Protein backbone atom coordinates (compact mmCIF):
# COMPACT_ATOMS: atom_id res chain seq x y z
CA MET A 1 0.00 0.00 0.00
CA ALA A 2 1.36 3.44 -0.89
CA ARG A 3 2.29 5.73 1.99
CA LEU A 4 1.94 9.13 0.37
CA ASP A 5 -0.92 11.04 2.02
CA VAL A 6 -2.32 14.23 0.49
CA THR A 7 -5.70 14.01 2.21
CA ASP A 8 -4.71 16.81 4.63
CA ASP A 9 -4.58 19.19 1.66
CA LEU A 10 -8.03 18.03 0.54
CA TYR A 11 -9.41 19.18 3.90
CA ASP A 12 -7.48 22.49 3.96
CA GLU A 13 -9.81 25.41 3.16
CA ASP A 14 -6.96 27.17 1.31
CA PHE A 15 -7.02 24.46 -1.36
CA ILE A 16 -10.64 23.35 -1.70
CA ASP A 17 -13.85 24.59 -3.31
CA PRO A 18 -17.39 23.33 -2.83
CA PHE A 19 -19.11 21.78 -5.84
CA VAL A 20 -22.07 19.52 -6.55
CA VAL A 21 -21.81 16.01 -7.97
CA ILE A 22 -24.80 14.60 -9.82
CA PRO A 23 -24.25 10.83 -9.82
CA GLY A 24 -24.89 9.03 -13.09
CA LEU A 25 -27.41 6.67 -11.51
CA VAL A 26 -30.73 5.56 -12.93
CA GLN A 27 -33.77 3.97 -11.34
CA ILE A 28 -36.71 2.07 -12.73
CA ASN A 29 -39.95 4.02 -12.37
CA ALA A 30 -43.47 2.66 -11.81
CA TYR A 31 -43.90 2.18 -15.58
CA GLY A 32 -40.78 0.01 -15.90
CA LEU A 33 -38.76 2.74 -17.63
CA ALA A 34 -35.30 3.88 -16.61
CA GLU A 35 -35.04 7.48 -15.44
CA ALA A 36 -32.04 9.47 -14.25
CA ILE A 37 -31.69 10.34 -10.58
CA ARG A 38 -31.10 14.10 -10.57
CA GLN A 39 -30.29 14.61 -6.89
CA GLY A 40 -26.94 16.31 -6.33
CA VAL A 41 -24.41 15.66 -3.58
CA GLN A 42 -22.50 18.58 -2.02
CA VAL A 43 -18.77 17.77 -2.17
CA THR A 44 -15.48 19.60 -1.61
CA GLY A 45 -12.20 19.23 -3.44
CA SER A 46 -9.49 21.06 -5.30
CA VAL A 47 -10.79 22.21 -8.70
CA GLN A 48 -8.31 23.56 -11.25
CA ALA A 49 -8.47 24.50 -14.89
CA ALA A 50 -6.90 21.83 -17.10
CA THR A 51 -7.53 23.85 -20.27
CA GLY A 52 -9.01 27.24 -20.98
CA HIS A 53 -12.50 27.72 -22.34
CA ASP A 54 -12.31 27.19 -26.09
CA LEU A 55 -14.74 28.54 -28.64
CA ILE A 56 -15.96 25.79 -30.97
CA GLN A 57 -17.80 26.99 -34.06
CA PHE A 58 -20.25 24.92 -36.07
CA GLY A 59 -22.60 25.89 -38.84
CA GLU A 60 -25.53 25.35 -36.45
CA GLY A 61 -24.05 27.59 -33.76
CA ASP A 62 -21.19 28.14 -31.39
CA MET A 63 -20.32 26.39 -28.14
CA THR A 64 -17.58 26.58 -25.59
CA GLY A 65 -15.47 23.68 -24.47
CA GLY A 66 -13.04 23.24 -21.65
CA VAL A 67 -11.72 20.79 -19.08
CA ILE A 68 -11.25 21.00 -15.31
CA LYS A 69 -9.16 18.78 -13.06
CA VAL A 70 -10.73 17.75 -9.76
CA PHE A 71 -8.99 16.25 -6.71
CA THR A 72 -11.46 14.95 -4.13
CA LEU A 73 -12.09 12.21 -1.59
CA TYR A 74 -15.52 11.57 -3.17
CA ARG A 75 -15.39 8.56 -5.49
CA LEU A 76 -16.19 10.05 -8.89
CA THR A 77 -16.87 7.78 -11.87
CA ALA A 78 -16.49 8.25 -15.61
CA GLY A 79 -19.25 5.70 -16.14
CA ASN A 80 -19.35 2.03 -17.05
CA ALA A 81 -21.89 -0.52 -18.28
CA GLN A 82 -24.10 0.00 -15.20
CA VAL A 83 -23.94 3.77 -14.57
CA ALA A 84 -23.49 6.93 -16.61
CA ALA A 85 -20.64 9.34 -15.92
CA ASP A 86 -20.97 11.66 -12.94
CA ARG A 87 -21.68 15.32 -13.63
CA ILE A 88 -20.13 18.19 -11.69
CA VAL A 89 -21.61 21.64 -11.14
CA TRP A 90 -18.85 24.10 -10.28
CA GLY A 91 -19.09 27.86 -10.68
CA ASN A 92 -22.66 27.52 -12.05
CA THR A 93 -21.26 25.49 -14.94
CA LEU A 94 -21.99 21.84 -15.75
CA TYR A 95 -19.13 19.41 -16.45
CA THR A 96 -19.16 15.68 -17.25
CA VAL A 97 -16.48 13.40 -15.77
CA MET A 98 -14.54 11.81 -18.60
CA ASN A 99 -11.48 10.29 -16.88
CA VAL A 100 -10.78 9.16 -13.30
CA LEU A 101 -7.48 8.22 -11.72
CA ASP A 102 -8.09 6.30 -8.49
CA TYR A 103 -5.53 6.84 -5.74
CA SER A 104 -7.61 5.15 -3.04
CA ASN A 105 -4.72 2.85 -2.20
CA TYR A 106 -2.85 5.86 -0.79
CA ALA A 107 -3.26 7.08 2.80
CA GLY A 108 -4.03 3.67 4.20
CA GLY A 109 -6.83 3.01 1.74
CA GLN A 110 -8.45 6.41 2.31
CA GLY A 111 -6.85 8.19 -0.65
CA HIS A 112 -8.29 10.55 -3.22
CA VAL A 113 -9.38 10.49 -6.85
CA GLU A 114 -8.20 12.77 -9.62
CA ALA A 115 -10.71 13.37 -12.39
CA LEU A 116 -10.90 15.28 -15.65
CA ALA A 117 -14.31 16.73 -16.43
CA GLN A 118 -15.38 18.32 -19.70
CA LEU A 119 -17.57 21.39 -20.01
CA THR A 120 -21.01 20.36 -21.25
CA SER A 121 -22.77 23.72 -21.51
CA VAL A 122 -23.80 24.67 -25.01
CA ASN A 123 -24.11 28.33 -25.98
CA PRO A 124 -25.92 28.52 -29.32
CA SER A 125 -24.93 31.48 -31.41
CA THR A 126 -27.45 34.30 -31.63
CA LEU A 127 -25.65 35.82 -34.60
CA PRO A 128 -26.23 34.77 -38.19
CA PRO A 129 -23.45 32.68 -39.76
CA PRO A 130 -20.57 34.64 -41.25
CA SER A 131 -21.05 35.54 -44.91
CA ASP A 132 -17.41 35.30 -45.98
CA ALA A 133 -16.43 33.10 -48.95
CA GLY A 134 -14.71 30.48 -46.74
CA TYR A 135 -17.85 29.55 -44.83
CA LEU A 136 -19.32 26.21 -45.96
CA GLY A 137 -22.52 26.28 -43.89
């Protein structure tokens, strides 16, 4: 078992931010259909920008993309055959967990996870498409 312990930093208020995790769980409703559980869990951890916010332009509209890196003691998941990926609300922005590194073997089995989460907010363009000759929309 690894001996490195960074959990003290994950409890230090100088390094952590609150955020909400929306687990990617589903339940079967009274009609036998699967429906997402939308209840969020208040969590703390260190949230850092992994990339900046990038403008992505399509013919149908524009959107922004970006990635954050999250260090937390909460066991985030990027999804599998049974559950969808967790979603994170941080700074009034919604992110989807896309990669998780599990360091739970550190700190006597009480270690942290490191996750990358991608911005999922879409901002459709309110402007008409550009009219220059290079636009193929």
